[in-house]
Amino acid sequence: MNQHEPAGAKGYLSWPVKWSFREYIAALEDGSETVEDGAASADGNFVFAECGSTGFADGGTAGTIRYGGGLSFSGYGGMLSARLFEPWIEIDGLQARLSVQTRGGAFPVRQVIATWELPVPETTAELVVWRDAVPLLTFEGVSLFGDVYQPGSALDGLTFSRGCRGETGQAAG
């Protein structure tokens, strides 16, 4: 088990987001970062447990991995606010994209905030793991982080996995 893998989870997403953004938030008088709804913080990374996946049938290379939990960053009396909840990673061949729910309540909004080329995965009997992927911000991702970064800017590297226990041509989860 990886040090960032939640105990008993099918798969996980381990990601520090972007250190320069987190340092900026931490330096604000009222800056805060909050881990919520089952996400965790470990060794500078935020860790989200897999909630399930769709696709990937018969060893396919396309599908969506859903993770639970969320993060909130805030400062300037709420004028700076970034919510990253229920991250999903959508895989299509060698490409991946990360979407998050950015607003809750009656009108949730899901935005694709980053894309990247997949590294070669490691496969065990229980997990498929992609390590050190470098997500690049999309236009929507730029606005989520307060228009400080440019589209195509690198976020910090992430490691993610999906469970494959019990797969018999069907997706786990």
C-alpha atoms as a PDB file:
ATOM      1  CA  MET A   1       0.000   0.000   0.000  1.00  0.00           C
ATOM      2  CA  ASN A   2       1.304   3.460  -0.957  1.00  0.00           C
ATOM      3  CA  GLN A   3       1.721   5.930   1.933  1.00  0.00           C
ATOM      4  CA  HIS A   4      -0.883   8.188   0.280  1.00  0.00           C
ATOM      5  CA  GLU A   5      -3.410   5.403  -0.390  1.00  0.00           C
ATOM      6  CA  PRO A   6      -6.503   5.533   1.856  1.00  0.00           C
ATOM      7  CA  ALA A   7      -6.877   2.340   3.889  1.00  0.00           C
ATOM      8  CA  GLY A   8      -9.458   0.016   2.357  1.00  0.00           C
ATOM      9  CA  ALA A   9      -9.985   2.201  -0.709  1.00  0.00           C
ATOM     10  CA  LYS A  10     -10.371   0.724  -4.167  1.00  0.00           C
ATOM     11  CA  GLY A  11      -8.181   3.423  -5.675  1.00  0.00           C
ATOM     12  CA  TYR A  12      -7.010   6.909  -4.791  1.00  0.00           C
ATOM     13  CA  LEU A  13      -5.951  10.312  -6.086  1.00  0.00           C
ATOM     14  CA  SER A  14      -2.974  11.911  -4.312  1.00  0.00           C
ATOM     15  CA  TRP A  15      -2.253  15.501  -5.322  1.00  0.00           C
ATOM     16  CA  PRO A  16      -0.710  18.606  -3.732  1.00  0.00           C
ATOM     17  CA  VAL A  17      -2.630  20.839  -6.251  1.00  0.00           C
ATOM     18  CA  LYS A  18      -0.152  23.725  -6.747  1.00  0.00           C
ATOM     19  CA  TRP A  19       2.344  24.666  -4.039  1.00  0.00           C
ATOM     20  CA  SER A  20       2.704  28.291  -5.136  1.00  0.00           C
ATOM     21  CA  PHE A  21      -1.074  28.763  -4.839  1.00  0.00           C
ATOM     22  CA  ARG A  22      -1.157  27.077  -1.420  1.00  0.00           C
ATOM     23  CA  GLU A  23       1.758  29.200  -0.189  1.00  0.00           C
ATOM     24  CA  TYR A  24      -0.034  32.341  -1.383  1.00  0.00           C
ATOM     25  CA  ILE A  25      -3.220  31.321   0.468  1.00  0.00           C
ATOM     26  CA  ALA A  26      -1.246  30.484   3.628  1.00  0.00           C
ATOM     27  CA  ALA A  27       0.419  33.911   3.603  1.00  0.00           C
ATOM     28  CA  LEU A  28      -2.922  35.749   3.636  1.00  0.00           C
ATOM     29  CA  GLU A  29      -4.123  37.021   6.996  1.00  0.00           C
ATOM     30  CA  ASP A  30      -7.397  35.129   6.597  1.00  0.00           C
ATOM     31  CA  GLY A  31      -6.215  32.486   4.118  1.00  0.00           C
ATOM     32  CA  SER A  32      -7.397  28.945   4.664  1.00  0.00           C
ATOM     33  CA  GLU A  33      -7.432  25.563   3.026  1.00  0.00           C
ATOM     34  CA  THR A  34     -10.034  23.082   4.210  1.00  0.00           C
ATOM     35  CA  VAL A  35     -10.238  19.362   3.501  1.00  0.00           C
ATOM     36  CA  GLU A  36     -13.847  18.134   3.482  1.00  0.00           C
ATOM     37  CA  ASP A  37     -16.241  15.263   2.898  1.00  0.00           C
ATOM     38  CA  GLY A  38     -13.811  12.372   3.260  1.00  0.00           C
ATOM     39  CA  ALA A  39     -10.737  13.803   1.573  1.00  0.00           C
ATOM     40  CA  ALA A  40      -7.577  13.730   3.674  1.00  0.00           C
ATOM     41  CA  SER A  41      -4.227  15.475   3.884  1.00  0.00           C
ATOM     42  CA  ALA A  42      -1.002  13.463   4.078  1.00  0.00           C
ATOM     43  CA  ASP A  43       2.586  14.662   3.642  1.00  0.00           C
ATOM     44  CA  GLY A  44       1.572  17.780   1.714  1.00  0.00           C
ATOM     45  CA  ASN A  45      -0.784  15.914  -0.608  1.00  0.00           C
ATOM     46  CA  PHE A  46      -4.548  15.881  -0.627  1.00  0.00           C
ATOM     47  CA  VAL A  47      -5.861  12.334  -0.885  1.00  0.00           C
ATOM     48  CA  PHE A  48      -9.233  11.360  -2.317  1.00  0.00           C
ATOM     49  CA  ALA A  49     -10.633   7.819  -2.182  1.00  0.00           C
ATOM     50  CA  GLU A  50     -12.119   6.253  -5.296  1.00  0.00           C
ATOM     51  CA  CYS A  51     -15.917   6.088  -5.302  1.00  0.00           C
ATOM     52  CA  GLY A  52     -16.131   3.984  -8.441  1.00  0.00           C
ATOM     53  CA  SER A  53     -15.330   3.884 -12.110  1.00  0.00           C
ATOM     54  CA  THR A  54     -17.134   3.388 -15.393  1.00  0.00           C
ATOM     55  CA  GLY A  55     -15.777   2.087 -18.655  1.00  0.00           C
ATOM     56  CA  PHE A  56     -12.517   0.159 -18.813  1.00  0.00           C
ATOM     57  CA  ALA A  57     -14.397  -3.013 -19.798  1.00  0.00           C
ATOM     58  CA  ASP A  58     -12.306  -5.864 -21.182  1.00  0.00           C
ATOM     59  CA  GLY A  59      -9.064  -4.031 -20.379  1.00  0.00           C
ATOM     60  CA  GLY A  60     -10.125  -0.970 -22.348  1.00  0.00           C
ATOM     61  CA  THR A  61      -8.285   2.315 -22.205  1.00  0.00           C
ATOM     62  CA  ALA A  62     -11.292   4.622 -21.862  1.00  0.00           C
ATOM     63  CA  GLY A  63     -13.327   5.358 -18.772  1.00  0.00           C
ATOM     64  CA  THR A  64     -13.943   7.640 -15.835  1.00  0.00           C
ATOM     65  CA  ILE A  65     -12.622   7.268 -12.288  1.00  0.00           C
ATOM     66  CA  ARG A  66     -14.664   9.098  -9.630  1.00  0.00           C
ATOM     67  CA  TYR A  67     -13.165  10.194  -6.319  1.00  0.00           C
ATOM     68  CA  GLY A  68     -14.912  11.575  -3.245  1.00  0.00           C
ATOM     69  CA  GLY A  69     -14.221  14.488  -0.953  1.00  0.00           C
ATOM     70  CA  GLY A  70     -13.207  18.029  -1.552  1.00  0.00           C
ATOM     71  CA  LEU A  71     -11.005  21.029  -0.868  1.00  0.00           C
ATOM     72  CA  SER A  72     -11.804  24.660  -0.289  1.00  0.00           C
ATOM     73  CA  PHE A  73      -9.328  27.527  -0.470  1.00  0.00           C
ATOM     74  CA  SER A  74     -10.333  31.007   0.648  1.00  0.00           C
ATOM     75  CA  GLY A  75      -8.990  34.417   1.514  1.00  0.00           C
ATOM     76  CA  TYR A  76      -9.647  38.156   1.333  1.00  0.00           C
ATOM     77  CA  GLY A  77     -12.881  37.839   3.275  1.00  0.00           C
ATOM     78  CA  GLY A  78     -14.233  35.293   0.789  1.00  0.00           C
ATOM     79  CA  MET A  79     -13.344  37.308  -2.320  1.00  0.00           C
ATOM     80  CA  LEU A  80     -10.859  34.548  -3.197  1.00  0.00           C
ATOM     81  CA  SER A  81     -12.648  31.227  -3.133  1.00  0.00           C
ATOM     82  CA  ALA A  82     -11.727  27.994  -4.914  1.00  0.00           C
ATOM     83  CA  ARG A  83     -13.706  24.772  -4.415  1.00  0.00           C
ATOM     84  CA  LEU A  84     -12.485  21.447  -5.786  1.00  0.00           C
ATOM     85  CA  PHE A  85     -14.993  18.722  -4.937  1.00  0.00           C
ATOM     86  CA  GLU A  86     -15.582  15.187  -6.209  1.00  0.00           C
ATOM     87  CA  PRO A  87     -12.657  15.014  -8.646  1.00  0.00           C
ATOM     88  CA  TRP A  88     -13.122  12.792 -11.692  1.00  0.00           C
ATOM     89  CA  ILE A  89     -10.401  11.646 -14.042  1.00  0.00           C
ATOM     90  CA  GLU A  90     -11.577  10.814 -17.529  1.00  0.00           C
ATOM     91  CA  ILE A  91      -9.208   8.675 -19.594  1.00  0.00           C
ATOM     92  CA  ASP A  92      -9.334   8.265 -23.346  1.00  0.00           C
ATOM     93  CA  GLY A  93      -6.386   6.294 -24.690  1.00  0.00           C
ATOM     94  CA  LEU A  94      -3.231   8.192 -23.712  1.00  0.00           C
ATOM     95  CA  GLN A  95      -5.022  11.398 -22.671  1.00  0.00           C
ATOM     96  CA  ALA A  96      -6.604  12.301 -19.336  1.00  0.00           C
ATOM     97  CA  ARG A  97      -8.611  15.193 -18.015  1.00  0.00           C
ATOM     98  CA  LEU A  98      -9.469  16.226 -14.480  1.00  0.00           C
ATOM     99  CA  SER A  99     -12.851  17.687 -13.682  1.00  0.00           C
ATOM    100  CA  VAL A 100     -14.114  18.921 -10.326  1.00  0.00           C
ATOM    101  CA  GLN A 101     -17.396  20.112  -8.962  1.00  0.00           C
ATOM    102  CA  THR A 102     -16.838  23.803  -8.243  1.00  0.00           C
ATOM    103  CA  ARG A 103     -20.215  24.746  -6.769  1.00  0.00           C
ATOM    104  CA  GLY A 104     -22.538  22.786  -4.557  1.00  0.00           C
ATOM    105  CA  GLY A 105     -26.145  23.177  -3.577  1.00  0.00           C
ATOM    106  CA  ALA A 106     -29.046  22.959  -5.988  1.00  0.00           C
ATOM    107  CA  PHE A 107     -26.926  23.979  -8.989  1.00  0.00           C
ATOM    108  CA  PRO A 108     -23.627  22.048  -8.941  1.00  0.00           C
ATOM    109  CA  VAL A 109     -21.156  22.895 -11.702  1.00  0.00           C
ATOM    110  CA  ARG A 110     -18.527  20.445 -13.007  1.00  0.00           C
ATOM    111  CA  GLN A 111     -15.552  21.954 -14.829  1.00  0.00           C
ATOM    112  CA  VAL A 112     -12.610  20.346 -16.610  1.00  0.00           C
ATOM    113  CA  ILE A 113      -9.676  22.119 -14.967  1.00  0.00           C
ATOM    114  CA  ALA A 114      -6.680  20.204 -16.359  1.00  0.00           C
ATOM    115  CA  THR A 115      -5.565  17.799 -19.095  1.00  0.00           C
ATOM    116  CA  TRP A 116      -2.419  15.723 -19.565  1.00  0.00           C
ATOM    117  CA  GLU A 117      -0.780  12.802 -21.326  1.00  0.00           C
ATOM    118  CA  LEU A 118      -0.893   9.641 -19.266  1.00  0.00           C
ATOM    119  CA  PRO A 119       2.290   8.083 -17.944  1.00  0.00           C
ATOM    120  CA  VAL A 120       2.621   4.309 -18.344  1.00  0.00           C
ATOM    121  CA  PRO A 121       0.536   2.678 -15.590  1.00  0.00           C
ATOM    122  CA  GLU A 122       1.663   0.091 -13.074  1.00  0.00           C
ATOM    123  CA  THR A 123      -0.808  -2.775 -12.775  1.00  0.00           C
ATOM    124  CA  THR A 124      -1.256  -5.148  -9.847  1.00  0.00           C
ATOM    125  CA  ALA A 125      -4.035  -7.607  -9.059  1.00  0.00           C
ATOM    126  CA  GLU A 126      -5.876  -4.862  -7.161  1.00  0.00           C
ATOM    127  CA  LEU A 127      -4.891  -1.499  -8.677  1.00  0.00           C
ATOM    128  CA  VAL A 128      -3.919   0.270 -11.851  1.00  0.00           C
ATOM    129  CA  VAL A 129      -1.671   3.202 -10.805  1.00  0.00           C
ATOM    130  CA  TRP A 130      -0.478   6.196 -12.812  1.00  0.00           C
ATOM    131  CA  ARG A 131       2.384   8.046 -11.062  1.00  0.00           C
ATOM    132  CA  ASP A 132       3.777  11.554 -11.474  1.00  0.00           C
ATOM    133  CA  ALA A 133       1.275  12.787 -14.051  1.00  0.00           C
ATOM    134  CA  VAL A 134       1.632  16.531 -14.708  1.00  0.00           C
ATOM    135  CA  PRO A 135      -1.759  18.176 -15.276  1.00  0.00           C
ATOM    136  CA  LEU A 136      -1.900  21.358 -17.396  1.00  0.00           C
ATOM    137  CA  LEU A 137      -4.497  24.015 -16.631  1.00  0.00           C
ATOM    138  CA  THR A 138      -7.415  24.546 -18.976  1.00  0.00           C
ATOM    139  CA  PHE A 139      -9.097  27.916 -19.459  1.00  0.00           C
ATOM    140  CA  GLU A 140     -11.720  26.891 -16.860  1.00  0.00           C
ATOM    141  CA  GLY A 141      -8.940  25.859 -14.484  1.00  0.00           C
ATOM    142  CA  VAL A 142      -7.331  29.279 -14.805  1.00  0.00           C
ATOM    143  CA  SER A 143     -10.512  31.006 -13.647  1.00  0.00           C
ATOM    144  CA  LEU A 144     -10.904  28.585 -10.731  1.00  0.00           C
ATOM    145  CA  PHE A 145      -7.480  29.671  -9.413  1.00  0.00           C
ATOM    146  CA  GLY A 146      -8.277  33.373  -9.667  1.00  0.00           C
ATOM    147  CA  ASP A 147      -6.845  34.065 -13.139  1.00  0.00           C
ATOM    148  CA  VAL A 148      -3.312  34.034 -11.735  1.00  0.00           C
ATOM    149  CA  TYR A 149      -1.950  31.305 -14.026  1.00  0.00           C
ATOM    150  CA  GLN A 150      -2.083  30.941 -17.817  1.00  0.00           C
ATOM    151  CA  PRO A 151      -3.814  28.104 -19.706  1.00  0.00           C
ATOM    152  CA  GLY A 152      -1.277  25.309 -20.132  1.00  0.00           C
ATOM    153  CA  SER A 153       0.487  26.124 -16.830  1.00  0.00           C
ATOM    154  CA  ALA A 154       1.562  22.998 -14.977  1.00  0.00           C
ATOM    155  CA  LEU A 155      -0.097  22.077 -11.727  1.00  0.00           C
ATOM    156  CA  ASP A 156       1.859  19.909  -9.321  1.00  0.00           C
ATOM    157  CA  GLY A 157       2.246  16.251 -10.237  1.00  0.00           C
ATOM    158  CA  LEU A 158      -0.372  13.768  -9.136  1.00  0.00           C
ATOM    159  CA  THR A 159      -0.621  10.040  -8.638  1.00  0.00           C
ATOM    160  CA  PHE A 160      -3.915   8.281  -9.133  1.00  0.00           C
ATOM    161  CA  SER A 161      -5.301   4.785  -9.333  1.00  0.00           C
ATOM    162  CA  ARG A 162      -8.421   2.779  -9.869  1.00  0.00           C
ATOM    163  CA  GLY A 163      -9.362  -0.474  -8.266  1.00  0.00           C
ATOM    164  CA  CYS A 164      -9.593  -3.571 -10.411  1.00  0.00           C
ATOM    165  CA  ARG A 165     -10.579  -6.131  -7.796  1.00  0.00           C
ATOM    166  CA  GLY A 166     -13.067  -8.613  -9.105  1.00  0.00           C
ATOM    167  CA  GLU A 167     -12.921  -7.409 -12.710  1.00  0.00           C
ATOM    168  CA  THR A 168     -14.143  -9.952 -15.201  1.00  0.00           C
ATOM    169  CA  GLY A 169     -14.475  -7.726 -18.204  1.00  0.00           C
ATOM    170  CA  GLN A 170     -16.491  -5.176 -16.225  1.00  0.00           C
ATOM    171  CA  ALA A 171     -15.341  -2.015 -14.510  1.00  0.00           C
ATOM    172  CA  ALA A 172     -14.794  -2.021 -10.771  1.00  0.00           C
ATOM    173  CA  GLY A 173     -17.079   0.192  -8.765  1.00  0.00           C
END
